C-alpha atoms as a PDB file:
ATOM      1  CA  MET A   1     196.240 131.471  66.759  1.00  0.00           C
ATOM      2  CA  ASP A   2     194.400 133.787  64.577  1.00  0.00           C
ATOM      3  CA  THR A   3     192.550 130.440  63.206  1.00  0.00           C
ATOM      4  CA  ALA A   4     191.209 129.883  66.698  1.00  0.00           C
ATOM      5  CA  VAL A   5     189.825 133.173  67.403  1.00  0.00           C
ATOM      6  CA  VAL A   6     187.927 132.985  64.336  1.00  0.00           C
ATOM      7  CA  LEU A   7     186.456 129.906  64.980  1.00  0.00           C
ATOM      8  CA  GLU A   8     185.622 131.195  68.386  1.00  0.00           C
ATOM      9  CA  THR A   9     183.782 133.940  67.500  1.00  0.00           C
ATOM     10  CA  ARG A  10     181.701 131.893  64.870  1.00  0.00           C
ATOM     11  CA  SER A  11     180.835 129.719  67.119  1.00  0.00           C
ATOM     12  CA  VAL A  12     179.225 132.249  69.589  1.00  0.00           C
ATOM     13  CA  VAL A  13     177.510 133.930  66.587  1.00  0.00           C
ATOM     14  CA  ASP A  14     175.975 130.538  65.735  1.00  0.00           C
ATOM     15  CA  ALA A  15     174.690 130.000  69.144  1.00  0.00           C
ATOM     16  CA  LEU A  16     173.183 133.213  69.218  1.00  0.00           C
ATOM     17  CA  ARG A  17     171.549 132.933  65.996  1.00  0.00           C
ATOM     18  CA  SER A  18     170.302 129.043  67.069  1.00  0.00           C
ATOM     19  CA  GLU A  19     169.071 130.594  70.240  1.00  0.00           C
ATOM     20  CA  MET A  20     167.317 133.839  68.451  1.00  0.00           C
ATOM     21  CA  GLN A  21     165.882 131.758  65.228  1.00  0.00           C
ATOM     22  CA  GLY A  22     164.504 129.427  68.317  1.00  0.00           C
ATOM     23  CA  GLN A  23     162.472 132.181  70.261  1.00  0.00           C
ATOM     24  CA  ILE A  24     161.421 133.770  66.922  1.00  0.00           C
ATOM     25  CA  LEU A  25     159.558 130.791  66.152  1.00  0.00           C
ATOM     26  CA  ARG A  26     158.303 129.753  69.216  1.00  0.00           C
ATOM     27  CA  GLY A  27     156.711 133.620  69.193  1.00  0.00           C
ATOM     28  CA  SER A  28     159.272 134.476  72.320  1.00  0.00           C
ATOM     29  CA  ILE A  29     160.321 137.402  70.007  1.00  0.00           C
ATOM     30  CA  PRO A  30     156.785 138.119  68.626  1.00  0.00           C
ATOM     31  CA  ALA A  31     156.249 139.497  65.210  1.00  0.00           C
ATOM     32  CA  GLY A  32     156.874 143.131  64.558  1.00  0.00           C
ATOM     33  CA  THR A  33     159.892 142.935  67.288  1.00  0.00           C
ATOM     34  CA  LEU A  34     162.507 145.399  66.772  1.00  0.00           C
ATOM     35  CA  LEU A  35     166.123 143.848  67.405  1.00  0.00           C
ATOM     36  CA  PRO A  36     168.953 146.837  67.522  1.00  0.00           C
ATOM     37  CA  GLU A  37     172.111 145.399  67.759  1.00  0.00           C
ATOM     38  CA  ILE A  38     172.932 146.812  71.429  1.00  0.00           C
ATOM     39  CA  PHE A  39     169.752 145.174  72.749  1.00  0.00           C
ATOM     40  CA  VAL A  40     170.168 142.024  71.589  1.00  0.00           C
ATOM     41  CA  ALA A  41     174.207 142.348  72.821  1.00  0.00           C
ATOM     42  CA  GLN A  42     172.786 143.164  76.342  1.00  0.00           C
ATOM     43  CA  GLN A  43     169.962 140.822  76.218  1.00  0.00           C
ATOM     44  CA  PHE A  44     172.200 137.870  75.460  1.00  0.00           C
ATOM     45  CA  GLU A  45     175.645 138.974  77.075  1.00  0.00           C
ATOM     46  CA  VAL A  46     177.571 139.000  74.175  1.00  0.00           C
ATOM     47  CA  ALA A  47     179.675 141.710  72.171  1.00  0.00           C
ATOM     48  CA  ARG A  48     177.745 143.785  69.900  1.00  0.00           C
ATOM     49  CA  PRO A  49     179.695 142.834  66.722  1.00  0.00           C
ATOM     50  CA  THR A  50     178.678 139.199  67.582  1.00  0.00           C
ATOM     51  CA  ALA A  51     174.830 140.602  67.991  1.00  0.00           C
ATOM     52  CA  LYS A  52     175.352 142.048  64.710  1.00  0.00           C
ATOM     53  CA  ALA A  53     176.658 138.947  62.548  1.00  0.00           C
ATOM     54  CA  ALA A  54     174.010 136.841  63.912  1.00  0.00           C
ATOM     55  CA  ILE A  55     171.638 139.124  63.179  1.00  0.00           C
ATOM     56  CA  GLU A  56     172.618 139.421  59.339  1.00  0.00           C
ATOM     57  CA  GLN A  57     172.465 135.460  59.374  1.00  0.00           C
ATOM     58  CA  LEU A  58     169.175 135.791  60.745  1.00  0.00           C
ATOM     59  CA  VAL A  59     168.098 138.664  57.675  1.00  0.00           C
ATOM     60  CA  ASN A  60     169.739 136.679  55.084  1.00  0.00           C
ATOM     61  CA  ILE A  61     167.540 133.586  56.044  1.00  0.00           C
ATOM     62  CA  GLY A  62     164.164 135.745  56.084  1.00  0.00           C
ATOM     63  CA  LEU A  63     163.533 135.432  59.684  1.00  0.00           C
ATOM     64  CA  LEU A  64     164.677 139.056  60.047  1.00  0.00           C
ATOM     65  CA  ARG A  65     163.941 142.181  57.928  1.00  0.00           C
ATOM     66  CA  ARG A  66     166.100 145.064  57.696  1.00  0.00           C
ATOM     67  CA  SER A  67     165.646 148.022  54.920  1.00  0.00           C
ATOM     68  CA  ARG A  68     168.618 150.158  54.333  1.00  0.00           C
ATOM     69  CA  ASN A  69     170.369 151.808  57.631  1.00  0.00           C
ATOM     70  CA  LYS A  70     167.101 150.469  59.504  1.00  0.00           C
ATOM     71  CA  THR A  71     167.216 148.328  62.676  1.00  0.00           C
ATOM     72  CA  ALA A  72     166.041 144.724  61.961  1.00  0.00           C
ATOM     73  CA  ARG A  73     162.501 143.656  62.880  1.00  0.00           C
ATOM     74  CA  VAL A  74     160.824 139.984  62.975  1.00  0.00           C
ATOM     75  CA  PRO A  75     158.432 140.341  59.844  1.00  0.00           C
ATOM     76  CA  LEU A  76     154.900 141.024  60.740  1.00  0.00           C
ATOM     77  CA  LEU A  77     153.119 138.880  57.946  1.00  0.00           C
ATOM     78  CA  ASP A  78     149.503 140.072  56.890  1.00  0.00           C
ATOM     79  CA  ALA A  79     147.323 137.888  55.010  1.00  0.00           C
ATOM     80  CA  SER A  80     148.142 139.269  51.499  1.00  0.00           C
ATOM     81  CA  ASP A  81     151.310 138.342  52.447  1.00  0.00           C
ATOM     82  CA  ILE A  82     150.803 135.069  53.414  1.00  0.00           C
ATOM     83  CA  ALA A  83     148.895 134.504  50.153  1.00  0.00           C
ATOM     84  CA  ASP A  84     151.698 135.954  48.122  1.00  0.00           C
ATOM     85  CA  LEU A  85     154.120 133.438  49.678  1.00  0.00           C
ATOM     86  CA  TYR A  86     152.320 130.562  48.908  1.00  0.00           C
ATOM     87  CA  LEU A  87     151.944 131.586  45.680  1.00  0.00           C
ATOM     88  CA  THR A  88     154.799 131.716  44.784  1.00  0.00           C
ATOM     89  CA  ARG A  89     155.886 128.665  46.738  1.00  0.00           C
ATOM     90  CA  GLY A  90     153.279 126.743  45.255  1.00  0.00           C
ATOM     91  CA  VAL A  91     154.787 128.120  41.839  1.00  0.00           C
ATOM     92  CA  ILE A  92     158.243 127.140  42.996  1.00  0.00           C
ATOM     93  CA  GLU A  93     157.711 123.583  44.323  1.00  0.00           C
ATOM     94  CA  GLY A  94     155.076 122.248  41.699  1.00  0.00           C
ATOM     95  CA  ALA A  95     157.751 122.317  39.366  1.00  0.00           C
ATOM     96  CA  VAL A  96     160.219 120.745  42.181  1.00  0.00           C
ATOM     97  CA  VAL A  97     157.766 117.730  42.328  1.00  0.00           C
ATOM     98  CA  HIS A  98     157.038 117.900  38.508  1.00  0.00           C
ATOM     99  CA  LEU A  99     160.729 117.289  37.683  1.00  0.00           C
ATOM    100  CA  LEU A 100     161.358 114.631  40.432  1.00  0.00           C
ATOM    101  CA  ALA A 101     158.013 113.093  39.635  1.00  0.00           C
ATOM    102  CA  GLU A 102     159.193 112.727  35.816  1.00  0.00           C
ATOM    103  CA  ARG A 103     162.436 110.589  36.989  1.00  0.00           C
ATOM    104  CA  GLY A 104     160.386 109.022  39.937  1.00  0.00           C
ATOM    105  CA  GLU A 105     163.066 110.174  41.910  1.00  0.00           C
ATOM    106  CA  VAL A 106     162.369 110.044  45.685  1.00  0.00           C
ATOM    107  CA  PRO A 107     165.168 112.155  47.641  1.00  0.00           C
ATOM    108  CA  ASP A 108     167.342 110.526  50.519  1.00  0.00           C
ATOM    109  CA  GLY A 109     167.479 113.681  52.082  1.00  0.00           C
ATOM    110  CA  ALA A 110     163.276 114.233  51.965  1.00  0.00           C
ATOM    111  CA  ILE A 111     163.391 110.681  53.294  1.00  0.00           C
ATOM    112  CA  VAL A 112     165.397 111.268  56.419  1.00  0.00           C
ATOM    113  CA  ALA A 113     163.354 114.542  57.021  1.00  0.00           C
ATOM    114  CA  LEU A 114     159.737 113.099  57.260  1.00  0.00           C
ATOM    115  CA  GLU A 115     161.374 109.883  59.720  1.00  0.00           C
ATOM    116  CA  ARG A 116     162.553 113.078  61.716  1.00  0.00           C
ATOM    117  CA  PHE A 117     159.227 114.760  61.517  1.00  0.00           C
ATOM    118  CA  ARG A 118     157.561 111.703  62.839  1.00  0.00           C
ATOM    119  CA  ALA A 119     160.311 111.045  65.397  1.00  0.00           C
ATOM    120  CA  ALA A 120     159.780 114.512  66.784  1.00  0.00           C
ATOM    121  CA  ILE A 121     155.620 114.129  67.045  1.00  0.00           C
ATOM    122  CA  GLU A 122     156.084 111.220  68.904  1.00  0.00           C
ATOM    123  CA  SER A 123     158.432 112.616  70.911  1.00  0.00           C
ATOM    124  CA  GLY A 124     156.738 115.590  71.705  1.00  0.00           C
ATOM    125  CA  GLU A 125     159.746 118.059  70.593  1.00  0.00           C
ATOM    126  CA  ARG A 126     159.344 121.545  70.567  1.00  0.00           C
ATOM    127  CA  ILE A 127     157.378 123.762  68.217  1.00  0.00           C
ATOM    128  CA  GLU A 128     161.355 124.366  66.017  1.00  0.00           C
ATOM    129  CA  GLU A 129     162.036 120.901  65.816  1.00  0.00           C
ATOM    130  CA  LEU A 130     159.021 119.984  64.147  1.00  0.00           C
ATOM    131  CA  VAL A 131     159.695 123.034  61.438  1.00  0.00           C
ATOM    132  CA  GLU A 132     162.926 122.467  61.074  1.00  0.00           C
ATOM    133  CA  SER A 133     162.094 118.702  60.051  1.00  0.00           C
ATOM    134  CA  ASP A 134     159.227 120.128  57.829  1.00  0.00           C
ATOM    135  CA  ILE A 135     161.894 122.826  56.426  1.00  0.00           C
ATOM    136  CA  GLN A 136     164.251 119.976  55.037  1.00  0.00           C
ATOM    137  CA  PHE A 137     161.647 118.071  53.710  1.00  0.00           C
ATOM    138  CA  HIS A 138     160.967 120.532  51.335  1.00  0.00           C
ATOM    139  CA  ARG A 139     164.753 121.842  50.744  1.00  0.00           C
ATOM    140  CA  ALA A 140     165.514 117.918  50.176  1.00  0.00           C
ATOM    141  CA  LEU A 141     162.835 118.337  47.423  1.00  0.00           C
ATOM    142  CA  ALA A 142     164.233 121.219  45.864  1.00  0.00           C
ATOM    143  CA  ALA A 143     167.965 120.433  46.254  1.00  0.00           C
ATOM    144  CA  ALA A 144     167.244 116.840  44.473  1.00  0.00           C
ATOM    145  CA  THR A 145     166.249 118.646  41.289  1.00  0.00           C
ATOM    146  CA  GLY A 146     169.797 119.324  40.019  1.00  0.00           C
ATOM    147  CA  SER A 147     169.385 122.758  39.831  1.00  0.00           C
ATOM    148  CA  PRO A 148     171.305 125.424  41.262  1.00  0.00           C
ATOM    149  CA  ARG A 149     168.609 128.615  40.078  1.00  0.00           C
ATOM    150  CA  LEU A 150     165.570 126.355  41.401  1.00  0.00           C
ATOM    151  CA  ARG A 151     167.302 125.856  44.507  1.00  0.00           C
ATOM    152  CA  ARG A 152     168.189 129.485  45.274  1.00  0.00           C
ATOM    153  CA  LEU A 153     164.573 130.372  44.127  1.00  0.00           C
ATOM    154  CA  HIS A 154     163.186 127.906  46.670  1.00  0.00           C
ATOM    155  CA  GLU A 155     166.179 129.456  49.208  1.00  0.00           C
ATOM    156  CA  SER A 156     164.878 132.977  48.630  1.00  0.00           C
ATOM    157  CA  VAL A 157     161.184 132.282  50.236  1.00  0.00           C
ATOM    158  CA  ILE A 158     162.107 129.517  52.830  1.00  0.00           C
ATOM    159  CA  GLY A 159     162.676 131.968  55.804  1.00  0.00           C
ATOM    160  CA  GLU A 160     159.466 133.314  55.331  1.00  0.00           C
ATOM    161  CA  ALA A 161     157.930 130.197  54.764  1.00  0.00           C
ATOM    162  CA  HIS A 162     159.744 129.256  58.496  1.00  0.00           C
ATOM    163  CA  LEU A 163     157.759 131.668  59.971  1.00  0.00           C
ATOM    164  CA  CYS A 164     154.752 130.841  58.553  1.00  0.00           C
ATOM    165  CA  MET A 165     154.967 126.903  59.209  1.00  0.00           C
ATOM    166  CA  ALA A 166     156.285 128.053  62.770  1.00  0.00           C
ATOM    167  CA  GLN A 167     152.678 130.001  63.363  1.00  0.00           C
ATOM    168  CA  VAL A 168     151.016 126.973  62.346  1.00  0.00           C
ATOM    169  CA  GLN A 169     152.294 124.747  64.990  1.00  0.00           C
ATOM    170  CA  ALA A 170     152.352 127.348  67.390  1.00  0.00           C
ATOM    171  CA  ARG A 171     148.478 127.926  67.159  1.00  0.00           C
ATOM    172  CA  HIS A 172     147.884 124.557  66.162  1.00  0.00           C
ATOM    173  CA  LEU A 173     146.367 125.271  63.435  1.00  0.00           C
ATOM    174  CA  LEU A 174     147.295 121.884  61.716  1.00  0.00           C
ATOM    175  CA  ARG A 175     148.294 118.580  63.586  1.00  0.00           C
ATOM    176  CA  PRO A 176     151.606 117.351  62.445  1.00  0.00           C
ATOM    177  CA  GLN A 177     150.177 113.969  61.713  1.00  0.00           C
ATOM    178  CA  ILE A 178     148.513 115.553  59.038  1.00  0.00           C
ATOM    179  CA  ILE A 179     151.368 117.148  57.858  1.00  0.00           C
ATOM    180  CA  ALA A 180     153.337 113.898  57.984  1.00  0.00           C
ATOM    181  CA  ASN A 181     150.615 112.290  55.913  1.00  0.00           C
ATOM    182  CA  GLU A 182     150.743 114.604  53.144  1.00  0.00           C
ATOM    183  CA  HIS A 183     154.622 114.644  52.917  1.00  0.00           C
ATOM    184  CA  LYS A 184     154.358 110.730  53.026  1.00  0.00           C
ATOM    185  CA  LYS A 185     151.059 111.269  50.061  1.00  0.00           C
ATOM    186  CA  ILE A 186     153.655 113.561  47.779  1.00  0.00           C
ATOM    187  CA  LEU A 187     156.921 110.826  48.160  1.00  0.00           C
ATOM    188  CA  ALA A 188     154.671 108.233  46.759  1.00  0.00           C
ATOM    189  CA  MET A 189     153.067 110.321  44.011  1.00  0.00           C
ATOM    190  CA  ILE A 190     156.620 111.105  43.059  1.00  0.00           C
ATOM    191  CA  ARG A 191     157.669 107.632  43.519  1.00  0.00           C
ATOM    192  CA  SER A 192     154.946 106.101  41.032  1.00  0.00           C
ATOM    193  CA  ARG A 193     156.043 108.950  38.431  1.00  0.00           C
ATOM    194  CA  SER A 194     152.439 110.232  39.106  1.00  0.00           C
ATOM    195  CA  ILE A 195     153.332 113.796  37.838  1.00  0.00           C
ATOM    196  CA  GLY A 196     149.564 115.028  37.607  1.00  0.00           C
ATOM    197  CA  ARG A 197     148.787 113.978  41.417  1.00  0.00           C
ATOM    198  CA  ALA A 198     152.500 114.420  42.690  1.00  0.00           C
ATOM    199  CA  THR A 199     151.894 118.569  41.885  1.00  0.00           C
ATOM    200  CA  ALA A 200     148.215 118.022  42.900  1.00  0.00           C
ATOM    201  CA  GLU A 201     149.155 116.655  46.475  1.00  0.00           C
ATOM    202  CA  MET A 202     152.143 119.278  46.792  1.00  0.00           C
ATOM    203  CA  GLU A 203     149.554 122.284  45.618  1.00  0.00           C
ATOM    204  CA  ALA A 204     146.964 120.615  48.254  1.00  0.00           C
ATOM    205  CA  HIS A 205     149.308 120.855  51.110  1.00  0.00           C
ATOM    206  CA  LEU A 206     150.567 124.195  50.765  1.00  0.00           C
ATOM    207  CA  ALA A 207     146.881 125.694  50.028  1.00  0.00           C
ATOM    208  CA  ARG A 208     145.828 123.594  53.636  1.00  0.00           C
ATOM    209  CA  ALA A 209     148.102 125.606  55.474  1.00  0.00           C
ATOM    210  CA  GLN A 210     147.384 128.922  53.588  1.00  0.00           C
ATOM    211  CA  LYS A 211     143.953 128.457  54.623  1.00  0.00           C
ATOM    212  CA  LYS A 212     144.289 127.662  57.786  1.00  0.00           C
ATOM    213  CA  LEU A 213     146.847 130.748  58.747  1.00  0.00           C
ATOM    214  CA  VAL A 214     144.863 133.063  56.749  1.00  0.00           C
ATOM    215  CA  THR A 215     141.889 132.217  58.362  1.00  0.00           C
ATOM    216  CA  TYR A 216     143.211 132.643  61.357  1.00  0.00           C
ATOM    217  CA  LEU A 217     145.419 136.062  61.147  1.00  0.00           C
ATOM    218  CA  ARG A 218     142.012 137.575  59.784  1.00  0.00           C
ATOM    219  CA  GLN A 219     140.170 136.678  63.306  1.00  0.00           C
ATOM    220  CA  GLU A 220     142.990 137.428  65.100  1.00  0.00           C
ATOM    221  CA  ARG A 221     143.562 141.031  63.363  1.00  0.00           C
ATOM    222  CA  PRO A 222     140.579 141.910  61.266  1.00  0.00           C
ATOM    223  CA  THR A 223     141.125 144.521  58.839  1.00  0.00           C
END
């Protein structure tokens, strides 16, 4: 009976986390929003421990930030945050495609994620579906290296990257078909063992998204 209670509790927490994640990515919960546990509990009509657990999950994946003994909030990333994030991603993901291209290894997970991304474009799926497929593509590449440490490094930045990708899609800064084509090129260069070109394609892919987002943020929130 205790096990059943635990499973039921976890399912509610996961459902709340999923709903909050979708609202954050869609911008329904805007950047900078404070999310006290009691507010979340009241807003979604759940118990406070459930709200706390869901918030912790979102903090762990980088979609919320919370300093010690402080209320969680949706990160408000500025141009310097974006530049630093994409610099870090470039170093990590450049190393990832370098390793995979040396082997000529195209991960099945990346192919599946690209197919899901294309399907989401064709069906007009919501922003979070596009972003989730995009995230899964990059995660699959990192996982295929077989390096637990490299994968952990990648996971340490992917939450904030999630927010950036959502902003790119929500504001129509980069057409999804362009992203799909860039993913396809990256896989093609990996498959052909073109190490230099695979790395260059990944760098260009990340740089294009960074430039679009930084330009937008500077126009929206000028210094």
